[in-house]
C-alpha atoms as a PDB file:
ATOM      1  CA  MET A   1     129.873  75.585-116.387  1.00  0.00           C
ATOM      2  CA  GLU A   2     127.719  74.585-113.971  1.00  0.00           C
ATOM      3  CA  MET A   3     128.610  72.415-111.044  1.00  0.00           C
ATOM      4  CA  ALA A   4     126.117  70.800-108.527  1.00  0.00           C
ATOM      5  CA  VAL A   5     127.642  70.608-104.781  1.00  0.00           C
ATOM      6  CA  PRO A   6     126.497  68.749-101.882  1.00  0.00           C
ATOM      7  CA  ILE A   7     124.441  70.880 -99.146  1.00  0.00           C
ATOM      8  CA  GLN A   8     125.783  69.761 -95.718  1.00  0.00           C
ATOM      9  CA  SER A   9     123.507  72.018 -93.660  1.00  0.00           C
ATOM     10  CA  TYR A  10     121.671  75.141 -93.290  1.00  0.00           C
ATOM     11  CA  GLU A  11     119.906  77.434 -90.992  1.00  0.00           C
ATOM     12  CA  ALA A  12     118.158  80.438 -90.648  1.00  0.00           C
ATOM     13  CA  THR A  13     120.012  83.182 -89.150  1.00  0.00           C
ATOM     14  CA  THR A  14     120.922  86.585 -89.014  1.00  0.00           C
ATOM     15  CA  LEU A  15     124.550  87.039 -89.832  1.00  0.00           C
ATOM     16  CA  THR A  16     126.597  90.032 -88.012  1.00  0.00           C
ATOM     17  CA  PHE A  17     129.293  91.766 -89.978  1.00  0.00           C
ATOM     18  CA  GLY A  18     131.085  95.153 -89.293  1.00  0.00           C
ATOM     19  CA  GLU A  19     130.137  97.124 -86.194  1.00  0.00           C
ATOM     20  CA  THR A  20     126.633  97.318 -86.663  1.00  0.00           C
ATOM     21  CA  GLY A  21     125.645  95.334 -89.861  1.00  0.00           C
ATOM     22  CA  ARG A  22     123.101  92.623 -89.734  1.00  0.00           C
ATOM     23  CA  LEU A  23     121.713  90.073 -92.398  1.00  0.00           C
ATOM     24  CA  ALA A  24     118.480  87.959 -91.799  1.00  0.00           C
ATOM     25  CA  CYS A  25     119.252  85.122 -94.222  1.00  0.00           C
ATOM     26  CA  LEU A  26     119.720  81.658 -95.058  1.00  0.00           C
ATOM     27  CA  TYR A  27     122.986  80.243 -94.604  1.00  0.00           C
ATOM     28  CA  VAL A  28     123.986  77.238 -96.237  1.00  0.00           C
ATOM     29  CA  VAL A  29     127.060  75.004 -95.994  1.00  0.00           C
ATOM     30  CA  ILE A  30     127.955  73.155 -98.966  1.00  0.00           C
ATOM     31  CA  ASP A  31     130.606  70.394 -99.154  1.00  0.00           C
ATOM     32  CA  GLY A  32     133.813  72.191-101.144  1.00  0.00           C
ATOM     33  CA  ARG A  33     135.740  68.937-101.001  1.00  0.00           C
ATOM     34  CA  SER A  34     133.413  67.484-103.214  1.00  0.00           C
ATOM     35  CA  ASP A  35     134.430  69.703-106.162  1.00  0.00           C
ATOM     36  CA  PRO A  36     137.295  72.127-105.667  1.00  0.00           C
ATOM     37  CA  LYS A  37     135.826  74.461-108.098  1.00  0.00           C
ATOM     38  CA  ALA A  38     133.003  75.008-105.483  1.00  0.00           C
ATOM     39  CA  ALA A  39     135.592  76.340-103.309  1.00  0.00           C
ATOM     40  CA  ALA A  40     137.165  78.607-106.045  1.00  0.00           C
ATOM     41  CA  PHE A  41     133.693  79.841-107.104  1.00  0.00           C
ATOM     42  CA  LEU A  42     133.234  80.975-103.288  1.00  0.00           C
ATOM     43  CA  GLN A  43     136.772  82.326-103.264  1.00  0.00           C
ATOM     44  CA  GLY A  44     136.081  84.460-106.242  1.00  0.00           C
ATOM     45  CA  TRP A  45     132.936  86.199-104.940  1.00  0.00           C
ATOM     46  CA  HIS A  46     132.576  89.951-105.361  1.00  0.00           C
ATOM     47  CA  GLY A  47     129.591  91.921-104.016  1.00  0.00           C
ATOM     48  CA  CYS A  48     128.800  92.659-107.570  1.00  0.00           C
ATOM     49  CA  CYS A  49     128.209  89.064-108.399  1.00  0.00           C
ATOM     50  CA  ASP A  50     124.537  88.916-107.561  1.00  0.00           C
ATOM     51  CA  VAL A  51     123.343  86.648-110.553  1.00  0.00           C
ATOM     52  CA  CYS A  52     120.455  84.131-109.140  1.00  0.00           C
ATOM     53  CA  GLU A  53     118.389  81.826-111.091  1.00  0.00           C
ATOM     54  CA  LEU A  54     115.653  79.572-109.979  1.00  0.00           C
ATOM     55  CA  ASP A  55     113.956  76.547-111.430  1.00  0.00           C
ATOM     56  CA  TRP A  56     112.043  73.462-110.407  1.00  0.00           C
ATOM     57  CA  GLN A  57     111.224  70.120-111.280  1.00  0.00           C
ATOM     58  CA  ALA A  58     108.794  67.449-110.131  1.00  0.00           C
ATOM     59  CA  VAL A  59     110.447  63.848-110.407  1.00  0.00           C
ATOM     60  CA  ARG A  60     108.507  60.735-110.295  1.00  0.00           C
ATOM     61  CA  ARG A  61     111.119  58.201-108.554  1.00  0.00           C
ATOM     62  CA  PRO A  62     111.379  59.127-105.627  1.00  0.00           C
ATOM     63  CA  ALA A  63     108.394  61.016-106.001  1.00  0.00           C
ATOM     64  CA  SER A  64     110.068  64.590-105.069  1.00  0.00           C
ATOM     65  CA  ALA A  65     109.597  68.431-105.781  1.00  0.00           C
ATOM     66  CA  LEU A  66     112.626  70.085-106.348  1.00  0.00           C
ATOM     67  CA  ILE A  67     113.982  73.656-106.320  1.00  0.00           C
ATOM     68  CA  GLY A  68     117.045  74.540-108.143  1.00  0.00           C
ATOM     69  CA  ILE A  69     118.811  78.098-107.161  1.00  0.00           C
ATOM     70  CA  GLU A  70     121.848  78.586-109.736  1.00  0.00           C
ATOM     71  CA  LEU A  71     124.209  81.229-108.611  1.00  0.00           C
ATOM     72  CA  GLY A  72     126.745  82.898-110.986  1.00  0.00           C
ATOM     73  CA  HIS A  73     129.141  85.597-111.306  1.00  0.00           C
ATOM     74  CA  CYS A  74     128.203  88.826-113.366  1.00  0.00           C
ATOM     75  CA  CYS A  75     131.487  89.816-113.942  1.00  0.00           C
ATOM     76  CA  ASP A  76     134.021  88.582-116.664  1.00  0.00           C
ATOM     77  CA  ARG A  77     136.478  86.600-114.061  1.00  0.00           C
ATOM     78  CA  SER A  78     134.443  83.255-114.375  1.00  0.00           C
ATOM     79  CA  ASP A  79     131.521  81.717-116.135  1.00  0.00           C
ATOM     80  CA  GLU A  80     131.105  78.984-113.341  1.00  0.00           C
ATOM     81  CA  ARG A  81     127.714  78.621-111.760  1.00  0.00           C
ATOM     82  CA  LEU A  82     127.179  76.753-108.591  1.00  0.00           C
ATOM     83  CA  ARG A  83     123.817  75.146-108.314  1.00  0.00           C
ATOM     84  CA  LEU A  84     121.924  74.281-105.104  1.00  0.00           C
ATOM     85  CA  VAL A  85     118.861  72.022-104.781  1.00  0.00           C
ATOM     86  CA  PHE A  86     116.284  71.719-102.063  1.00  0.00           C
ATOM     87  CA  ASP A  87     113.332  69.266-101.845  1.00  0.00           C
ATOM     88  CA  VAL A  88     110.355  71.268-101.272  1.00  0.00           C
ATOM     89  CA  ARG A  89     108.814  68.694 -98.685  1.00  0.00           C
ATOM     90  CA  ARG A  90     112.100  67.901 -96.820  1.00  0.00           C
ATOM     91  CA  ASP A  91     113.430  71.865 -96.814  1.00  0.00           C
ATOM     92  CA  SER A  92     110.149  73.614 -96.758  1.00  0.00           C
ATOM     93  CA  GLU A  93     111.353  75.889 -93.599  1.00  0.00           C
ATOM     94  CA  ALA A  94     114.469  76.665 -95.242  1.00  0.00           C
ATOM     95  CA  LEU A  95     112.580  77.645 -98.553  1.00  0.00           C
ATOM     96  CA  GLU A  96     110.010  79.750 -96.592  1.00  0.00           C
ATOM     97  CA  HIS A  97     112.720  81.644 -94.392  1.00  0.00           C
ATOM     98  CA  LEU A  98     114.727  82.196 -97.794  1.00  0.00           C
ATOM     99  CA  ALA A  99     111.406  83.625 -99.633  1.00  0.00           C
ATOM    100  CA  ASN A 100     110.853  85.828 -96.413  1.00  0.00           C
ATOM    101  CA  THR A 101     114.470  87.255 -96.161  1.00  0.00           C
ATOM    102  CA  GLU A 102     115.277  87.220 -99.667  1.00  0.00           C
ATOM    103  CA  ALA A 103     119.038  86.408 -98.760  1.00  0.00           C
ATOM    104  CA  LEU A 104     120.866  83.340 -99.290  1.00  0.00           C
ATOM    105  CA  VAL A 105     124.658  83.126 -97.885  1.00  0.00           C
ATOM    106  CA  VAL A 106     126.841  80.127 -99.040  1.00  0.00           C
ATOM    107  CA  GLY A 107     130.057  79.074 -97.178  1.00  0.00           C
ATOM    108  CA  LEU A 108     132.326  76.023 -96.577  1.00  0.00           C
ATOM    109  CA  ARG A 109     132.153  76.035 -92.934  1.00  0.00           C
ATOM    110  CA  PRO A 110     129.702  77.414 -90.484  1.00  0.00           C
ATOM    111  CA  TYR A 111     129.703  81.060 -90.282  1.00  0.00           C
ATOM    112  CA  GLY A 112     132.440  82.219 -87.733  1.00  0.00           C
ATOM    113  CA  SER A 113     134.811  79.388 -88.645  1.00  0.00           C
ATOM    114  CA  PHE A 114     138.392  79.909 -89.276  1.00  0.00           C
ATOM    115  CA  ALA A 115     139.108  79.798 -93.227  1.00  0.00           C
ATOM    116  CA  ASN A 116     135.764  80.361 -94.455  1.00  0.00           C
ATOM    117  CA  ALA A 117     135.086  81.289 -97.774  1.00  0.00           C
ATOM    118  CA  MET A 118     131.420  82.870 -98.168  1.00  0.00           C
ATOM    119  CA  ALA A 119     129.279  84.225-100.847  1.00  0.00           C
ATOM    120  CA  ALA A 120     125.940  86.334-100.467  1.00  0.00           C
ATOM    121  CA  TYR A 121     123.092  86.567-103.022  1.00  0.00           C
ATOM    122  CA  GLY A 122     119.761  88.466-103.275  1.00  0.00           C
ATOM    123  CA  VAL A 123     116.836  85.828-103.964  1.00  0.00           C
ATOM    124  CA  ASP A 124     113.401  86.992-105.232  1.00  0.00           C
ATOM    125  CA  GLY A 125     111.092  85.710-102.465  1.00  0.00           C
ATOM    126  CA  ASN A 126     108.197  85.937-104.853  1.00  0.00           C
ATOM    127  CA  ALA A 127     110.183  83.892-107.362  1.00  0.00           C
ATOM    128  CA  VAL A 128     110.867  81.218-104.484  1.00  0.00           C
ATOM    129  CA  ARG A 129     106.938  80.946-103.643  1.00  0.00           C
ATOM    130  CA  ARG A 130     105.982  80.507-107.340  1.00  0.00           C
ATOM    131  CA  ALA A 131     108.881  77.763-107.919  1.00  0.00           C
ATOM    132  CA  VAL A 132     107.548  75.658-104.809  1.00  0.00           C
ATOM    133  CA  ARG A 133     104.118  75.858-105.754  1.00  0.00           C
ATOM    134  CA  SER A 134     104.671  74.976-109.321  1.00  0.00           C
ATOM    135  CA  ALA A 135     107.037  72.298-108.117  1.00  0.00           C
ATOM    136  CA  GLU A 136     104.105  70.826-105.937  1.00  0.00           C
ATOM    137  CA  ARG A 137     101.362  70.750-108.657  1.00  0.00           C
ATOM    138  CA  GLY A 138     104.237  69.262-110.922  1.00  0.00           C
ATOM    139  CA  LEU A 139     104.508  66.351-108.308  1.00  0.00           C
ATOM    140  CA  ARG A 140     100.672  66.176-108.043  1.00  0.00           C
ATOM    141  CA  SER A 141     100.420  65.842-111.790  1.00  0.00           C
ATOM    142  CA  LEU A 142     102.806  63.096-111.758  1.00  0.00           C
ATOM    143  CA  ALA A 143     101.079  61.254-109.080  1.00  0.00           C
ATOM    144  CA  SER A 144      97.589  61.502-110.484  1.00  0.00           C
ATOM    145  CA  ALA A 145      98.821  60.383-114.027  1.00  0.00           C
ATOM    146  CA  ALA A 146     100.603  57.565-112.548  1.00  0.00           C
ATOM    147  CA  SER A 147      97.580  56.361-110.893  1.00  0.00           C
END
């Protein structure tokens, strides 16, 4: 089952963990209160749960090119999937950073906050770039068909 959750904020950052660990990533804070299943999804994450799929969509009204990132668990504990949606124009810097670092970390609160649940996923940077280009072409195609 797929759940789409609102993105509250995101930032290009380097997270520290352990004594010397560092991870350059796009850190996304989602609204876990909008759907309690989102919090359960993040709390049930394991290091092996690295299933990430990308898709794109061009929308006529309002004119938007969207990139969807669907995160899942590869273990048998849950068939839930968490969907994040980025607007190619509005979120261009975030998508570029994600393509460069190939790492996405999703949390319920800002990094370092008390009682935060997080999940980390590897993302194919070339797939992000291809999805952005395809979504932009789709939007141009919609605009030219409308005129």
